[in-house]
PDB file of N, CA and C in Angstrom:
ATOM      1  N   MET A   1     -24.744 -14.474 -27.368  1.00  0.00           N
ATOM      2  CA  MET A   1     -23.411 -14.150 -27.852  1.00  0.00           C
ATOM      3  C   MET A   1     -23.052 -12.705 -27.499  1.00  0.00           C
ATOM      4  N   GLU A   2     -23.971 -11.792 -27.751  1.00  0.00           N
ATOM      5  CA  GLU A   2     -23.706 -10.377 -27.470  1.00  0.00           C
ATOM      6  C   GLU A   2     -23.616 -10.125 -25.963  1.00  0.00           C
ATOM      7  N   GLN A   3     -24.393 -10.866 -25.182  1.00  0.00           N
ATOM      8  CA  GLN A   3     -24.377 -10.711 -23.732  1.00  0.00           C
ATOM      9  C   GLN A   3     -23.022 -11.149 -23.165  1.00  0.00           C
ATOM     10  N   ASP A   4     -22.450 -12.211 -23.724  1.00  0.00           N
ATOM     11  CA  ASP A   4     -21.131 -12.666 -23.279  1.00  0.00           C
ATOM     12  C   ASP A   4     -20.080 -11.584 -23.515  1.00  0.00           C
ATOM     13  N   SER A   5     -20.166 -10.907 -24.659  1.00  0.00           N
ATOM     14  CA  SER A   5     -19.230  -9.840 -24.975  1.00  0.00           C
ATOM     15  C   SER A   5     -19.354  -8.688 -23.982  1.00  0.00           C
ATOM     16  N   GLN A   6     -20.558  -8.364 -23.602  1.00  0.00           N
ATOM     17  CA  GLN A   6     -20.771  -7.290 -22.626  1.00  0.00           C
ATOM     18  C   GLN A   6     -20.248  -7.702 -21.251  1.00  0.00           C
ATOM     19  N   GLU A   7     -20.419  -8.958 -20.885  1.00  0.00           N
ATOM     20  CA  GLU A   7     -19.915  -9.437 -19.597  1.00  0.00           C
ATOM     21  C   GLU A   7     -18.393  -9.409 -19.564  1.00  0.00           C
ATOM     22  N   VAL A   8     -17.766  -9.794 -20.678  1.00  0.00           N
ATOM     23  CA  VAL A   8     -16.303  -9.761 -20.757  1.00  0.00           C
ATOM     24  C   VAL A   8     -15.824  -8.321 -20.651  1.00  0.00           C
ATOM     25  N   ARG A   9     -16.503  -7.403 -21.319  1.00  0.00           N
ATOM     26  CA  ARG A   9     -16.119  -5.995 -21.273  1.00  0.00           C
ATOM     27  C   ARG A   9     -16.278  -5.449 -19.851  1.00  0.00           C
ATOM     28  N   ALA A  10     -17.353  -5.810 -19.173  1.00  0.00           N
ATOM     29  CA  ALA A  10     -17.575  -5.357 -17.805  1.00  0.00           C
ATOM     30  C   ALA A  10     -16.510  -5.926 -16.871  1.00  0.00           C
ATOM     31  N   THR A  11     -16.160  -7.184 -17.071  1.00  0.00           N
ATOM     32  CA  THR A  11     -15.130  -7.807 -16.246  1.00  0.00           C
ATOM     33  C   THR A  11     -13.785  -7.128 -16.463  1.00  0.00           C
ATOM     34  N   ARG A  12     -13.455  -6.811 -17.697  1.00  0.00           N
ATOM     35  CA  ARG A  12     -12.190  -6.124 -17.980  1.00  0.00           C
ATOM     36  C   ARG A  12     -12.169  -4.743 -17.341  1.00  0.00           C
ATOM     37  N   ASN A  13     -13.294  -4.039 -17.396  1.00  0.00           N
ATOM     38  CA  ASN A  13     -13.362  -2.719 -16.772  1.00  0.00           C
ATOM     39  C   ASN A  13     -13.189  -2.831 -15.257  1.00  0.00           C
ATOM     40  N   GLN A  14     -13.786  -3.847 -14.662  1.00  0.00           N
ATOM     41  CA  GLN A  14     -13.633  -4.046 -13.217  1.00  0.00           C
ATOM     42  C   GLN A  14     -12.186  -4.378 -12.871  1.00  0.00           C
ATOM     43  N   GLU A  15     -11.545  -5.205 -13.674  1.00  0.00           N
ATOM     44  CA  GLU A  15     -10.151  -5.557 -13.429  1.00  0.00           C
ATOM     45  C   GLU A  15      -9.253  -4.332 -13.573  1.00  0.00           C
ATOM     46  N   ARG A  16      -9.514  -3.513 -14.572  1.00  0.00           N
ATOM     47  CA  ARG A  16      -8.725  -2.296 -14.776  1.00  0.00           C
ATOM     48  C   ARG A  16      -8.895  -1.343 -13.597  1.00  0.00           C
ATOM     49  N   LEU A  17     -10.121  -1.193 -13.129  1.00  0.00           N
ATOM     50  CA  LEU A  17     -10.390  -0.332 -11.978  1.00  0.00           C
ATOM     51  C   LEU A  17      -9.704  -0.869 -10.723  1.00  0.00           C
ATOM     52  N   ALA A  18      -9.767  -2.170 -10.516  1.00  0.00           N
ATOM     53  CA  ALA A  18      -9.107  -2.774  -9.351  1.00  0.00           C
ATOM     54  C   ALA A  18      -7.589  -2.593  -9.438  1.00  0.00           C
ATOM     55  N   PHE A  19      -7.006  -2.757 -10.608  1.00  0.00           N
ATOM     56  CA  PHE A  19      -5.575  -2.566 -10.790  1.00  0.00           C
ATOM     57  C   PHE A  19      -5.169  -1.132 -10.481  1.00  0.00           C
ATOM     58  N   LEU A  20      -5.925  -0.167 -10.999  1.00  0.00           N
ATOM     59  CA  LEU A  20      -5.615   1.231 -10.733  1.00  0.00           C
ATOM     60  C   LEU A  20      -5.751   1.565  -9.253  1.00  0.00           C
ATOM     61  N   LEU A  21      -6.735   0.989  -8.589  1.00  0.00           N
ATOM     62  CA  LEU A  21      -6.897   1.198  -7.156  1.00  0.00           C
ATOM     63  C   LEU A  21      -5.692   0.664  -6.396  1.00  0.00           C
ATOM     64  N   VAL A  22      -5.239  -0.518  -6.752  1.00  0.00           N
ATOM     65  CA  VAL A  22      -4.091  -1.116  -6.073  1.00  0.00           C
ATOM     66  C   VAL A  22      -2.834  -0.291  -6.324  1.00  0.00           C
ATOM     67  N   VAL A  23      -2.600   0.095  -7.569  1.00  0.00           N
ATOM     68  CA  VAL A  23      -1.367   0.799  -7.926  1.00  0.00           C
ATOM     69  C   VAL A  23      -1.366   2.236  -7.413  1.00  0.00           C
ATOM     70  N   ALA A  24      -2.492   2.922  -7.483  1.00  0.00           N
ATOM     71  CA  ALA A  24      -2.528   4.345  -7.161  1.00  0.00           C
ATOM     72  C   ALA A  24      -2.846   4.627  -5.698  1.00  0.00           C
ATOM     73  N   VAL A  25      -3.465   3.677  -4.982  1.00  0.00           N
ATOM     74  CA  VAL A  25      -3.888   3.958  -3.611  1.00  0.00           C
ATOM     75  C   VAL A  25      -3.239   2.995  -2.619  1.00  0.00           C
ATOM     76  N   ILE A  26      -3.420   1.714  -2.818  1.00  0.00           N
ATOM     77  CA  ILE A  26      -3.025   0.746  -1.802  1.00  0.00           C
ATOM     78  C   ILE A  26      -1.503   0.633  -1.683  1.00  0.00           C
ATOM     79  N   PHE A  27      -0.774   0.504  -2.787  1.00  0.00           N
ATOM     80  CA  PHE A  27       0.682   0.365  -2.708  1.00  0.00           C
ATOM     81  C   PHE A  27       1.351   1.603  -2.116  1.00  0.00           C
ATOM     82  N   PRO A  28       0.987   2.819  -2.528  1.00  0.00           N
ATOM     83  CA  PRO A  28       1.609   3.988  -1.891  1.00  0.00           C
ATOM     84  C   PRO A  28       1.307   4.078  -0.394  1.00  0.00           C
ATOM     85  N   LEU A  29       0.071   3.804   0.001  1.00  0.00           N
ATOM     86  CA  LEU A  29      -0.261   3.839   1.425  1.00  0.00           C
ATOM     87  C   LEU A  29       0.504   2.771   2.192  1.00  0.00           C
ATOM     88  N   LEU A  30       0.632   1.599   1.618  1.00  0.00           N
ATOM     89  CA  LEU A  30       1.376   0.527   2.260  1.00  0.00           C
ATOM     90  C   LEU A  30       2.849   0.908   2.425  1.00  0.00           C
ATOM     91  N   ALA A  31       3.435   1.526   1.403  1.00  0.00           N
ATOM     92  CA  ALA A  31       4.836   1.948   1.491  1.00  0.00           C
ATOM     93  C   ALA A  31       5.010   3.002   2.583  1.00  0.00           C
ATOM     94  N   ILE A  32       4.108   3.958   2.653  1.00  0.00           N
ATOM     95  CA  ILE A  32       4.190   4.998   3.689  1.00  0.00           C
ATOM     96  C   ILE A  32       4.055   4.375   5.065  1.00  0.00           C
ATOM     97  N   MET A  33       3.131   3.441   5.224  1.00  0.00           N
ATOM     98  CA  MET A  33       2.929   2.811   6.524  1.00  0.00           C
ATOM     99  C   MET A  33       4.156   1.999   6.951  1.00  0.00           C
ATOM    100  N   ILE A  34       4.807   1.326   6.015  1.00  0.00           N
ATOM    101  CA  ILE A  34       5.996   0.540   6.346  1.00  0.00           C
ATOM    102  C   ILE A  34       7.132   1.450   6.791  1.00  0.00           C
ATOM    103  N   VAL A  35       7.367   2.535   6.054  1.00  0.00           N
ATOM    104  CA  VAL A  35       8.451   3.455   6.410  1.00  0.00           C
ATOM    105  C   VAL A  35       8.153   4.133   7.740  1.00  0.00           C
ATOM    106  N   ALA A  36       6.912   4.574   7.940  1.00  0.00           N
ATOM    107  CA  ALA A  36       6.544   5.222   9.201  1.00  0.00           C
ATOM    108  C   ALA A  36       6.637   4.240  10.366  1.00  0.00           C
ATOM    109  N   GLY A  37       6.221   3.009  10.153  1.00  0.00           N
ATOM    110  CA  GLY A  37       6.319   2.004  11.207  1.00  0.00           C
ATOM    111  C   GLY A  37       7.752   1.710  11.588  1.00  0.00           C
ATOM    112  N   TYR A  38       8.640   1.640  10.608  1.00  0.00           N
ATOM    113  CA  TYR A  38      10.054   1.413  10.902  1.00  0.00           C
ATOM    114  C   TYR A  38      10.634   2.588  11.687  1.00  0.00           C
ATOM    115  N   GLY A  39      10.302   3.791  11.264  1.00  0.00           N
ATOM    116  CA  GLY A  39      10.766   4.974  11.991  1.00  0.00           C
ATOM    117  C   GLY A  39      10.258   4.992  13.425  1.00  0.00           C
ATOM    118  N   PHE A  40       9.016   4.605  13.619  1.00  0.00           N
ATOM    119  CA  PHE A  40       8.450   4.551  14.964  1.00  0.00           C
ATOM    120  C   PHE A  40       9.169   3.507  15.810  1.00  0.00           C
ATOM    121  N   LEU A  41       9.452   2.344  15.231  1.00  0.00           N
ATOM    122  CA  LEU A  41      10.172   1.309  15.971  1.00  0.00           C
ATOM    123  C   LEU A  41      11.566   1.769  16.383  1.00  0.00           C
ATOM    124  N   VAL A  42      12.277   2.439  15.483  1.00  0.00           N
ATOM    125  CA  VAL A  42      13.606   2.944  15.813  1.00  0.00           C
ATOM    126  C   VAL A  42      13.486   3.994  16.914  1.00  0.00           C
ATOM    127  N   TRP A  43      12.512   4.867  16.832  1.00  0.00           N
ATOM    128  CA  TRP A  43      12.308   5.908  17.839  1.00  0.00           C
ATOM    129  C   TRP A  43      12.034   5.282  19.209  1.00  0.00           C
ATOM    130  N   MET A  44      11.150   4.289  19.248  1.00  0.00           N
ATOM    131  CA  MET A  44      10.840   3.632  20.516  1.00  0.00           C
ATOM    132  C   MET A  44      12.055   2.876  21.060  1.00  0.00           C
ATOM    133  N   TRP A  45      12.824   2.233  20.188  1.00  0.00           N
ATOM    134  CA  TRP A  45      14.026   1.519  20.629  1.00  0.00           C
ATOM    135  C   TRP A  45      14.994   2.488  21.293  1.00  0.00           C
ATOM    136  N   GLN A  46      15.196   3.648  20.658  1.00  0.00           N
ATOM    137  CA  GLN A  46      16.104   4.629  21.243  1.00  0.00           C
ATOM    138  C   GLN A  46      15.538   5.197  22.541  1.00  0.00           C
ATOM    139  N   LEU A  47      14.258   5.417  22.593  1.00  0.00           N
ATOM    140  CA  LEU A  47      13.635   5.986  23.779  1.00  0.00           C
ATOM    141  C   LEU A  47      13.715   5.032  24.968  1.00  0.00           C
ATOM    142  N   LEU A  48      13.473   3.745  24.727  1.00  0.00           N
ATOM    143  CA  LEU A  48      13.369   2.796  25.814  1.00  0.00           C
ATOM    144  C   LEU A  48      14.673   2.073  26.155  1.00  0.00           C
ATOM    145  N   PHE A  49      15.509   1.781  25.179  1.00  0.00           N
ATOM    146  CA  PHE A  49      16.649   0.907  25.417  1.00  0.00           C
ATOM    147  C   PHE A  49      18.002   1.554  25.104  1.00  0.00           C
ATOM    148  N   ALA A  50      18.145   2.173  23.975  1.00  0.00           N
ATOM    149  CA  ALA A  50      19.461   2.574  23.500  1.00  0.00           C
ATOM    150  C   ALA A  50      19.853   3.979  23.943  1.00  0.00           C
ATOM    151  N   GLY A  51      18.905   4.798  24.292  1.00  0.00           N
ATOM    152  CA  GLY A  51      19.224   6.174  24.643  1.00  0.00           C
ATOM    153  C   GLY A  51      19.443   7.023  23.399  1.00  0.00           C
ATOM    154  N   PRO A  52      19.691   8.306  23.577  1.00  0.00           N
ATOM    155  CA  PRO A  52      19.869   9.169  22.418  1.00  0.00           C
ATOM    156  C   PRO A  52      21.182   8.842  21.697  1.00  0.00           C
ATOM    157  N   PRO A  53      21.234   9.103  20.420  1.00  0.00           N
ATOM    158  CA  PRO A  53      22.473   8.854  19.686  1.00  0.00           C
ATOM    159  C   PRO A  53      23.570   9.813  20.169  1.00  0.00           C
ATOM    160  N   THR A  54      24.758   9.300  20.284  1.00  0.00           N
ATOM    161  CA  THR A  54      25.894  10.133  20.726  1.00  0.00           C
ATOM    162  C   THR A  54      26.927  10.212  19.618  1.00  0.00           C
ATOM    163  N   GLY A  55      27.696  11.280  19.638  1.00  0.00           N
ATOM    164  CA  GLY A  55      28.640  11.475  18.563  1.00  0.00           C
ATOM    165  C   GLY A  55      30.041  11.410  18.889  1.00  0.00           C
TER     166      GLY A  55
END
């Protein structure tokens, strides 16, 4: 009975750690990569096909 309680506590701690890793590390890095990738695509499109922006 006591061992089950310790296993549940360990599992909750692992889930909390995984959640914090996802929220604090993976999501911000993913957002930065998406924005940087979009900027790179626009830059390459202008460089190769559209030319510089004109006013």
